[in-house]
């Protein structure tokens, strides 16, 4: 999508396996196509990372998947995501 700036979407994820697909699908279905989704699992104890990994596998050019070794809370997790962002916004 030439001429339209890339948008980086940051998402800290933690124990949200049951709702994560809905959130990711909502982003995928947007009409604006020049985006990247940066997900970071913040030490989940459910299948959150596994759900995110399936999306990463399906959309490797759109999704970046990170994982914290332990829970470091949302602000630090989003800062971690931001370090990997390549979008203008």
C-alpha atoms as a PDB file:
ATOM      1  CA  UNK A   1       0.000   0.000   0.000  1.00  0.00           C
ATOM      2  CA  UNK A   2       2.179   2.750  -1.342  1.00  0.00           C
ATOM      3  CA  UNK A   3       1.807   6.264   0.014  1.00  0.00           C
ATOM      4  CA  UNK A   4       0.147   5.227   3.253  1.00  0.00           C
ATOM      5  CA  UNK A   5       2.255   5.137   6.387  1.00  0.00           C
ATOM      6  CA  UNK A   6       2.671   1.944   8.357  1.00  0.00           C
ATOM      7  CA  UNK A   7       0.886   1.770  11.708  1.00  0.00           C
ATOM      8  CA  UNK A   8       2.431  -0.290  14.500  1.00  0.00           C
ATOM      9  CA  UNK A   9      -0.125  -1.834  16.845  1.00  0.00           C
ATOM     10  CA  UNK A  10       1.270  -2.828  20.238  1.00  0.00           C
ATOM     11  CA  UNK A  11      -0.502  -5.450  22.317  1.00  0.00           C
ATOM     12  CA  UNK A  12       0.593  -6.782  25.672  1.00  0.00           C
ATOM     13  CA  UNK A  13      -1.071 -10.145  26.196  1.00  0.00           C
ATOM     14  CA  UNK A  14      -1.497 -11.990  29.477  1.00  0.00           C
ATOM     15  CA  UNK A  15      -3.733 -14.972  30.246  1.00  0.00           C
ATOM     16  CA  UNK A  16      -6.183 -14.057  27.479  1.00  0.00           C
ATOM     17  CA  UNK A  17      -6.304 -17.227  25.396  1.00  0.00           C
ATOM     18  CA  UNK A  18     -10.112 -17.183  25.354  1.00  0.00           C
ATOM     19  CA  UNK A  19     -10.417 -13.674  23.887  1.00  0.00           C
ATOM     20  CA  UNK A  20      -7.167 -13.146  21.987  1.00  0.00           C
ATOM     21  CA  UNK A  21      -8.464 -14.488  18.675  1.00  0.00           C
ATOM     22  CA  UNK A  22     -11.311 -11.955  18.693  1.00  0.00           C
ATOM     23  CA  UNK A  23      -8.880  -9.102  19.308  1.00  0.00           C
ATOM     24  CA  UNK A  24      -6.455 -10.175  16.582  1.00  0.00           C
ATOM     25  CA  UNK A  25      -9.245 -10.917  14.093  1.00  0.00           C
ATOM     26  CA  UNK A  26     -10.602  -7.414  14.680  1.00  0.00           C
ATOM     27  CA  UNK A  27      -7.266  -5.933  13.624  1.00  0.00           C
ATOM     28  CA  UNK A  28      -6.932  -8.211  10.611  1.00  0.00           C
ATOM     29  CA  UNK A  29     -10.405  -7.242   9.355  1.00  0.00           C
ATOM     30  CA  UNK A  30      -9.688  -3.503   9.305  1.00  0.00           C
ATOM     31  CA  UNK A  31      -9.771  -1.808   5.907  1.00  0.00           C
ATOM     32  CA  UNK A  32      -6.417  -0.072   6.447  1.00  0.00           C
ATOM     33  CA  UNK A  33      -3.853  -2.601   5.267  1.00  0.00           C
ATOM     34  CA  UNK A  34      -0.440  -1.092   6.065  1.00  0.00           C
ATOM     35  CA  UNK A  35       0.034  -2.223   9.645  1.00  0.00           C
ATOM     36  CA  UNK A  36       2.091  -4.509  11.832  1.00  0.00           C
ATOM     37  CA  UNK A  37       0.936  -6.127  15.058  1.00  0.00           C
ATOM     38  CA  UNK A  38       3.494  -6.549  17.801  1.00  0.00           C
ATOM     39  CA  UNK A  39       2.324  -8.982  20.454  1.00  0.00           C
ATOM     40  CA  UNK A  40       4.210  -9.663  23.666  1.00  0.00           C
ATOM     41  CA  UNK A  41       3.169 -12.441  26.010  1.00  0.00           C
ATOM     42  CA  UNK A  42       3.802 -11.237  29.550  1.00  0.00           C
ATOM     43  CA  UNK A  43       4.370 -14.580  31.248  1.00  0.00           C
ATOM     44  CA  UNK A  44       0.935 -16.084  30.672  1.00  0.00           C
ATOM     45  CA  UNK A  45       0.038 -19.312  32.408  1.00  0.00           C
ATOM     46  CA  UNK A  46      -2.627 -20.380  29.914  1.00  0.00           C
ATOM     47  CA  UNK A  47      -2.516 -20.968  26.134  1.00  0.00           C
ATOM     48  CA  UNK A  48      -2.178 -17.281  25.221  1.00  0.00           C
ATOM     49  CA  UNK A  49       1.240 -17.695  23.625  1.00  0.00           C
ATOM     50  CA  UNK A  50       0.081 -20.753  21.658  1.00  0.00           C
ATOM     51  CA  UNK A  51      -2.905 -18.809  20.236  1.00  0.00           C
ATOM     52  CA  UNK A  52      -0.644 -15.884  19.297  1.00  0.00           C
ATOM     53  CA  UNK A  53       1.900 -18.228  17.702  1.00  0.00           C
ATOM     54  CA  UNK A  54      -0.776 -19.636  15.368  1.00  0.00           C
ATOM     55  CA  UNK A  55      -1.504 -16.110  14.112  1.00  0.00           C
ATOM     56  CA  UNK A  56       2.224 -15.371  13.757  1.00  0.00           C
ATOM     57  CA  UNK A  57       2.553 -18.509  11.635  1.00  0.00           C
ATOM     58  CA  UNK A  58      -0.415 -17.526   9.464  1.00  0.00           C
ATOM     59  CA  UNK A  59       0.615 -13.849   9.068  1.00  0.00           C
ATOM     60  CA  UNK A  60       4.429 -13.834   9.338  1.00  0.00           C
ATOM     61  CA  UNK A  61       4.821 -10.522   7.471  1.00  0.00           C
ATOM     62  CA  UNK A  62       2.296  -8.726   9.677  1.00  0.00           C
ATOM     63  CA  UNK A  63       2.810 -10.104  13.191  1.00  0.00           C
ATOM     64  CA  UNK A  64       5.816  -9.940  15.484  1.00  0.00           C
ATOM     65  CA  UNK A  65       5.557 -12.191  18.546  1.00  0.00           C
ATOM     66  CA  UNK A  66       7.628 -11.598  21.649  1.00  0.00           C
ATOM     67  CA  UNK A  67       7.645 -13.307  25.029  1.00  0.00           C
ATOM     68  CA  UNK A  68       8.768 -12.027  28.411  1.00  0.00           C
ATOM     69  CA  UNK A  69      10.555 -14.541  30.641  1.00  0.00           C
ATOM     70  CA  UNK A  70       8.362 -13.429  33.538  1.00  0.00           C
ATOM     71  CA  UNK A  71       5.450 -11.080  34.123  1.00  0.00           C
ATOM     72  CA  UNK A  72       6.744  -7.501  34.025  1.00  0.00           C
ATOM     73  CA  UNK A  73       3.333  -5.771  33.813  1.00  0.00           C
ATOM     74  CA  UNK A  74       1.711  -3.857  30.997  1.00  0.00           C
ATOM     75  CA  UNK A  75       3.756  -0.636  30.791  1.00  0.00           C
ATOM     76  CA  UNK A  76       7.096  -2.450  30.580  1.00  0.00           C
ATOM     77  CA  UNK A  77       5.636  -4.974  28.145  1.00  0.00           C
ATOM     78  CA  UNK A  78       4.387  -2.234  25.813  1.00  0.00           C
ATOM     79  CA  UNK A  79       7.794  -0.517  26.000  1.00  0.00           C
ATOM     80  CA  UNK A  80       9.327  -3.847  24.968  1.00  0.00           C
ATOM     81  CA  UNK A  81       6.916  -3.985  22.005  1.00  0.00           C
ATOM     82  CA  UNK A  82       7.730  -0.408  21.017  1.00  0.00           C
ATOM     83  CA  UNK A  83      11.410  -1.290  20.611  1.00  0.00           C
ATOM     84  CA  UNK A  84      10.414  -3.612  17.750  1.00  0.00           C
ATOM     85  CA  UNK A  85       8.031  -1.217  16.002  1.00  0.00           C
ATOM     86  CA  UNK A  86       8.883  -0.136  12.465  1.00  0.00           C
ATOM     87  CA  UNK A  87       5.778   1.899  11.663  1.00  0.00           C
ATOM     88  CA  UNK A  88       5.552   5.654  11.415  1.00  0.00           C
ATOM     89  CA  UNK A  89       2.637   5.665  13.838  1.00  0.00           C
END
